[in-house]
Amino acid sequence: MKKNISKEQIIETALDLIKTNQDIRSINLREIARALGCAHTNIYNYYPSLVDLLWDLHVAIQESFIVDLSSRLEKVQESELKLYCFFESVINVYLIHTGWFRLVWVDYIGTDRPESNKIATQKNVDELVEILIDICFHLYQTKPDKEKIMRIFHNVHCYIVGELSNFINGRQFYQDEISLRKYVPETATTIFKLCLKDEIQ
């Protein structure tokens, strides 16, 4: 059995175990330890409970998305397509990793949200908003107000979460994933631009 494991290894292994899981409570620290090939007491050195680990996974998923998004946007030259790509990336990461989606937006994690999670989440949101501001600048040659973009992003993201929740839970309007992948980013892009219209005129 391994004796020396890192916090990063625990997070990576746990993310892999829950990525397509329909119930995040179906995994536990012992199962994660088995996957790592170590005693479960090794994990307790970092995480006294599963809930503590889940809050760290909540942040790790956000950070993973930003890395994936940045990589995708680097390959897109046209600003109009960058905005579409932004929302398409949101949908892509959650459809591939439905367990991650449930952890981040659906399932109750438990206990009060740690202050460290609030700080990390706000940092990630700020980074996403800055990406959107940069896209808007290239689209309209003007930088919109950060607070305005944050509100619009929040509203559009809530729309996306609603569509994906319906699809993942079998209550979707669109019967197949191909239609969903086409329609939702198109609609999200349209909503974003309409909400931004007053700001750029």
Protein backbone atom coordinates (compact mmCIF):
# COMPACT_ATOMS: atom_id res chain seq x y z
CA MET A 1 0.00 0.00 0.00
CA LYS A 2 1.10 3.55 -0.74
CA LYS A 3 1.97 5.63 2.28
CA ASN A 4 2.74 8.97 0.70
CA ILE A 5 -0.15 10.48 -1.19
CA SER A 6 -0.77 14.13 -1.97
CA LYS A 7 -3.87 16.27 -1.70
CA GLU A 8 -3.76 16.69 -5.48
CA GLN A 9 -3.85 12.90 -5.97
CA ILE A 10 -6.87 12.61 -3.71
CA ILE A 11 -8.73 15.34 -5.61
CA GLU A 12 -7.84 13.89 -9.02
CA THR A 13 -8.96 10.39 -8.00
CA ALA A 14 -12.19 11.62 -6.42
CA LEU A 15 -13.03 13.71 -9.50
CA ASP A 16 -12.55 10.65 -11.67
CA LEU A 17 -14.82 8.55 -9.44
CA ILE A 18 -17.68 11.05 -9.46
CA LYS A 19 -17.44 12.38 -13.02
CA THR A 20 -20.37 10.33 -14.33
CA ASN A 21 -21.86 9.32 -10.99
CA GLN A 22 -25.57 9.93 -10.44
CA ASP A 23 -25.16 10.14 -6.66
CA ILE A 24 -22.13 11.81 -5.12
CA ARG A 25 -23.02 10.21 -1.78
CA SER A 26 -22.39 6.77 -3.25
CA ILE A 27 -18.65 7.30 -2.90
CA ASN A 28 -16.78 7.59 0.37
CA LEU A 29 -13.24 8.14 1.62
CA ARG A 30 -12.57 4.39 1.86
CA GLU A 31 -13.48 3.91 -1.80
CA ILE A 32 -11.22 6.79 -2.80
CA ALA A 33 -8.41 5.25 -0.71
CA ARG A 34 -8.89 1.89 -2.47
CA ALA A 35 -8.63 3.62 -5.86
CA LEU A 36 -5.43 5.32 -4.69
CA GLY A 37 -4.01 2.10 -3.26
CA CYS A 38 -3.59 3.50 0.24
CA ALA A 39 -5.16 3.16 3.67
CA HIS A 40 -8.16 5.41 4.25
CA THR A 41 -6.36 6.90 7.25
CA ASN A 42 -3.95 8.55 4.77
CA ILE A 43 -6.85 10.59 3.40
CA TYR A 44 -7.87 11.68 6.90
CA ASN A 45 -4.52 13.49 7.09
CA TYR A 46 -6.00 15.94 4.56
CA TYR A 47 -9.76 15.52 4.89
CA PRO A 48 -11.52 14.70 8.17
CA SER A 49 -14.77 14.03 6.30
CA LEU A 50 -16.19 13.47 2.82
CA VAL A 51 -17.95 16.85 3.01
CA ASP A 52 -14.61 18.64 3.41
CA LEU A 53 -13.34 16.89 0.29
CA LEU A 54 -16.52 17.64 -1.68
CA TRP A 55 -16.11 21.37 -1.09
CA ASP A 56 -12.56 21.17 -2.46
CA LEU A 57 -13.84 19.19 -5.46
CA HIS A 58 -16.42 21.94 -6.02
CA VAL A 59 -13.56 24.41 -6.54
CA ALA A 60 -11.40 21.96 -8.51
CA ILE A 61 -14.19 21.45 -11.05
CA GLN A 62 -14.48 25.20 -11.59
CA GLU A 63 -10.73 25.49 -12.10
CA SER A 64 -10.71 22.54 -14.49
CA PHE A 65 -13.43 24.23 -16.55
CA ILE A 66 -11.44 27.47 -16.83
CA VAL A 67 -8.39 25.55 -18.07
CA ASP A 68 -10.51 23.72 -20.67
CA LEU A 69 -12.25 26.94 -21.71
CA SER A 70 -8.99 28.86 -22.15
CA SER A 71 -7.58 26.05 -24.27
CA ARG A 72 -10.68 26.04 -26.50
CA LEU A 73 -10.77 29.82 -26.91
CA GLU A 74 -7.11 29.92 -28.00
CA LYS A 75 -8.08 27.91 -31.08
CA VAL A 76 -10.89 30.29 -32.09
CA GLN A 77 -9.95 33.46 -33.96
CA GLU A 78 -13.30 35.10 -34.72
CA SER A 79 -14.78 37.07 -31.79
CA GLU A 80 -18.37 36.09 -32.61
CA LEU A 81 -17.40 32.44 -32.46
CA LYS A 82 -15.49 32.97 -29.21
CA LEU A 83 -18.70 34.02 -27.46
CA TYR A 84 -20.50 30.93 -28.78
CA CYS A 85 -17.51 28.78 -27.82
CA PHE A 86 -17.62 30.18 -24.28
CA PHE A 87 -21.15 28.91 -23.69
CA GLU A 88 -20.60 25.73 -25.67
CA SER A 89 -17.70 24.92 -23.33
CA VAL A 90 -19.96 25.26 -20.28
CA ILE A 91 -22.36 22.73 -21.77
CA ASN A 92 -19.61 20.41 -22.96
CA VAL A 93 -17.87 20.00 -19.59
CA TYR A 94 -21.13 19.25 -17.78
CA LEU A 95 -22.54 16.83 -20.35
CA ILE A 96 -19.30 14.85 -20.34
CA HIS A 97 -19.07 14.96 -16.54
CA THR A 98 -22.67 14.78 -15.30
CA GLY A 99 -21.49 13.90 -11.80
CA TRP A 100 -19.47 17.11 -11.70
CA PHE A 101 -22.56 19.04 -12.75
CA ARG A 102 -24.58 17.48 -9.93
CA LEU A 103 -21.89 18.30 -7.39
CA VAL A 104 -21.47 21.91 -8.50
CA TRP A 105 -25.12 22.86 -9.15
CA VAL A 106 -27.61 20.24 -7.97
CA ASP A 107 -26.71 18.07 -4.99
CA TYR A 108 -26.59 19.28 -1.40
CA ILE A 109 -23.00 19.06 -0.19
CA GLY A 110 -23.70 19.54 3.49
CA THR A 111 -22.74 21.94 6.27
CA ASP A 112 -22.26 25.65 5.81
CA ARG A 113 -20.23 26.63 2.81
CA PRO A 114 -16.61 27.24 3.88
CA GLU A 115 -15.24 30.75 3.52
CA SER A 116 -12.32 29.36 1.50
CA ASN A 117 -14.82 28.00 -1.05
CA LYS A 118 -16.57 31.36 -1.33
CA ILE A 119 -13.27 33.13 -1.95
CA ALA A 120 -12.08 30.58 -4.53
CA THR A 121 -15.42 30.57 -6.34
CA GLN A 122 -15.48 34.37 -6.54
CA LYS A 123 -11.95 34.33 -7.95
CA ASN A 124 -13.03 31.86 -10.64
CA VAL A 125 -16.16 33.88 -11.49
CA ASP A 126 -14.04 37.03 -11.77
CA GLU A 127 -11.73 35.22 -14.19
CA LEU A 128 -14.67 34.09 -16.35
CA VAL A 129 -16.11 37.61 -16.36
CA GLU A 130 -12.77 39.01 -17.49
CA ILE A 131 -12.74 36.51 -20.36
CA LEU A 132 -16.23 37.69 -21.37
CA ILE A 133 -15.19 41.35 -21.13
CA ASP A 134 -12.25 40.63 -23.44
CA ILE A 135 -14.55 38.88 -25.94
CA CYS A 136 -16.97 41.82 -25.80
CA PHE A 137 -14.14 44.28 -26.39
CA HIS A 138 -13.12 42.49 -29.57
CA LEU A 139 -16.76 42.25 -30.66
CA TYR A 140 -17.82 45.84 -30.00
CA GLN A 141 -14.54 47.77 -29.51
CA THR A 142 -15.67 48.86 -26.06
CA LYS A 143 -15.27 47.39 -22.60
CA PRO A 144 -18.61 46.89 -20.83
CA ASP A 145 -19.01 47.43 -17.11
CA LYS A 146 -17.75 44.48 -15.07
CA GLU A 147 -20.79 44.40 -12.77
CA LYS A 148 -23.11 44.45 -15.78
CA ILE A 149 -21.28 41.51 -17.39
CA MET A 150 -21.33 39.61 -14.11
CA ARG A 151 -25.12 40.00 -13.83
CA ILE A 152 -25.68 39.00 -17.46
CA PHE A 153 -23.36 36.01 -17.12
CA HIS A 154 -25.19 34.94 -13.97
CA ASN A 155 -28.56 35.08 -15.72
CA VAL A 156 -27.39 33.27 -18.85
CA HIS A 157 -25.62 30.65 -16.77
CA CYS A 158 -28.82 30.03 -14.78
CA TYR A 159 -30.59 29.40 -18.08
CA ILE A 160 -27.91 26.86 -19.09
CA VAL A 161 -28.06 25.12 -15.69
CA GLY A 162 -31.84 24.83 -16.05
CA GLU A 163 -31.62 23.30 -19.52
CA LEU A 164 -28.93 20.84 -18.45
CA SER A 165 -30.78 19.91 -15.24
CA ASN A 166 -33.85 19.04 -17.29
CA PHE A 167 -31.80 17.01 -19.77
CA ILE A 168 -29.73 15.11 -17.20
CA ASN A 169 -32.84 14.31 -15.16
CA GLY A 170 -34.78 13.08 -18.20
CA ARG A 171 -37.22 15.99 -18.33
CA GLN A 172 -35.79 17.69 -21.41
CA PHE A 173 -37.63 19.42 -24.21
CA TYR A 174 -34.98 18.22 -26.65
CA GLN A 175 -34.93 14.46 -26.96
CA ASP A 176 -31.32 14.04 -28.03
CA GLU A 177 -27.98 15.42 -26.95
CA ILE A 178 -27.04 16.61 -30.44
CA SER A 179 -30.01 19.00 -30.55
CA LEU A 180 -29.29 20.19 -27.03
CA ARG A 181 -25.63 20.87 -27.82
CA LYS A 182 -26.67 23.00 -30.80
CA TYR A 183 -29.65 24.85 -29.37
CA VAL A 184 -28.44 25.81 -25.87
CA PRO A 185 -25.20 27.63 -26.79
CA GLU A 186 -27.00 29.42 -29.63
CA THR A 187 -29.74 30.57 -27.25
CA ALA A 188 -27.25 31.49 -24.51
CA THR A 189 -25.28 33.61 -26.98
CA THR A 190 -28.45 35.36 -28.16
CA ILE A 191 -29.61 36.07 -24.60
CA PHE A 192 -26.18 37.41 -23.64
CA LYS A 193 -26.04 39.77 -26.62
CA LEU A 194 -29.60 41.01 -26.10
CA CYS A 195 -28.93 41.73 -22.42
CA LEU A 196 -25.73 43.55 -23.37
CA LYS A 197 -27.40 45.62 -26.08
CA ASP A 198 -28.16 48.67 -23.91
CA GLU A 199 -24.66 48.66 -22.50
CA ILE A 200 -22.90 48.98 -25.85
CA GLN A 201 -25.20 51.46 -27.58
